Amino acid sequence: MKLSIFTLLVLTTGSFAVSAACNTETTIAAIQGDAKQSPLLNKTVSTSGVVTAVLYPGSKAAGVLIQSLTPDTNPKTSDALFIADKKLVQQAKAGQQLEVTGKVVELDGMTALVDVKTSVCGQQEAPKPAVATLPVKSRQDWEALEGQYLAFPQALIVNDTYPLARYGEILLADKRLWVATELHRPGKAAKELEQQQNLSQLWLDDGIFEQNPDPVTFPDGNLSASNTVRVGDTVKNLQGYLIETKQGYRLVAARVPDFAASNARTEAPKAKAADHIRVASFNVLNFFTGETAAKPFPTRRGATDANELQRQQAKMIAALSRMDADVIGLLEVENNGFAQRSALATLVRELNKALGEQRYAFVQPQQALGGDAIKVALIYNQHKVTEAGKAVMIAEGPFAYGSRAPLTQTFKAKSTEGLFTVSVNHFKSKGSCPEDKAAVDSGNRDNKDGQSCWNQSRVEASNALSAWLQTQPTDVNTPHQLVIGDLNAYRQEDPIYALEQAGWVHLAPKDESGHYSYVFRGRTGSLDHALASKSMVQKLTQFQHWNINADEPAILDYNTEFKSAAQQKTLYAPDPFRSSDHDPVLIDFKF
């Protein structure tokens, strides 16, 4: 639960007495009203209800929920009310009937009483939960249920676990939610989809008002590296109390619901045929060794100390070694050269050590790969392919700033002598938007069409890349070309469209299942792509995203920050899962 909500609660005081009969001068429904705010705002009222929950005891968000025993017949008004009183929290118990007098306020959007006087006026079994379902028809449907005890009869789907470890929150919905521009071209249809999806989701809160709880409540009070909860998993028997915060509506769990691993892990990707060539693309999430600096740690990005680097390296090697790939494009490798202790050389050396043979080598262009802190790289299986022609990069135009310099190399398959060119790319991200007064083209601002910032820069990178590859820059003339990497654009966005317009074919699984590589703010999509020349498409035999990262809680990564000593052990394993925040792309060809 975030510490910013219910800031007014620290100002409240109260008293607690016992009376013989309940007095309801104003019903809870009348206090709530049927609009966003109470019609009795800033008025002093007296009401009564039965205690259904005591929330966040001992915190500045502490309070009690009461609910009317005689609900009104208006479905637009809630029959529950939040009483913001820390002393009451220490004394109130579920089932007590309370008479409450206090001032009506809106605490971060939630109607509440403050400066209260309360008395017990009876004992009553708490009301049974009201039935709720997703999606709702409008946000006003949530307002009409504010504070109430709810039960969801349907199975719900986990859509985001990013704040799970820090705030104890999981995003639920009636289905998997997608980045709108993954499914639709930017415009009306994409906006309509996002509006619909906003009505399909609800945050589940663990009811603990502290950061970095140990243990983590969900999925069963025993989250660990081997006991995960993944995006796509199912939640049943959900009950809780609906509250509103600055972040929106959320359900405080009455008890831990039932989680089912309906999106189970896969220990390895789908196998490839022995005579096929596999090309992979993998974002290694700022793999930095810092070895060119006077003091390696903390590095500019990535691991903060040697222990974290070892943890990161172990997970990365576990992932890379199971891919069975013959050419791998790497992204977010520290741009610290190619010497023995550089990030790239270290990763390849340790990977070969784990494999027990000198399987992989890295491509080393004659030019430096730009001036960015990170670079792209290519490694390859020396038993299956050899380099042909020269390794080249381009650091001009859109690749001079923002988009990293792409690296391109032609390879020859040893078994067939088939030639193919691979270009690994990392386009400018959607973040770090230009300041309002910055002198940038309007196409690089966030135009609220779903493509976020720097879209024009990414389109320019697509166009420049396509034109460059047409020149056969490796000095090997082959029609078989492949563009891979993190293009920081979803499937239907302009940068992908520009490449398709130039004749490149976007690759995807035949059944479209598991076709995603990234989860951000509760939406699933793919920033990691492969586009092939038409002749290369004829060689395609299999395409897959290996979903080892995007679906996993971020806390299962290599970092040790914000984890107890015990959690640093139980939440970590030297396995592929959450080795990065992106899923790898794997593409098989037969030459």
Foldseek 3Di string as FASTA:
>chain_A
DDQPFQQCLVVFAEAEAADAAADAPDAQQQQLDLDLHGPQAQHKGKHKFFWDDFFAQPGSQTWTKGFHPDDDPDLSTARIATERHNVCSVPDDGFFMKIKIAGWHQTQSGTYGGNMYMYTHDGGHHDDADEDEPQDPDLSNLSRHAFGKYWYQAKWFFQDCQQQQFFNKTKIFNAAFAQLLLPDAQDDSSVVSVVRVVSGIAMEGQRHPGTRDPPRPPDPSQDFQVRFAWGGKIWHGFIFTWHATNVGIHGHTPHRTHIGPPPDADQADDDDDPQWAKEKEEEQFQLFQQVVDPDSAPPPDADRDPQLNVQLLLLVLQHVLRHPHFKYKYWNAFQPDDDCRGRVNVSQVVSCVVVVHNFKDWADAPDRFADDRIAMTMMGGPVFKDWDFGKDWDCDDLCVPAWTIKIKTWIATPVPRDIEMEIETGGGALDPQDDPPDPDDPQQDQPVSSLHGPLVSLLRVLVVVLVVVVVVVSPDDDQKYKYWYQSNGFDNYNNNVSNVVSQWAWDAFPVNPQAFWARDPSHTTHRITMTIHPVNVVFWDGKHWNHQERTTHLLLESDDPSHDPVNNPRSYDSHNHNSDRTTMIMTIGRD
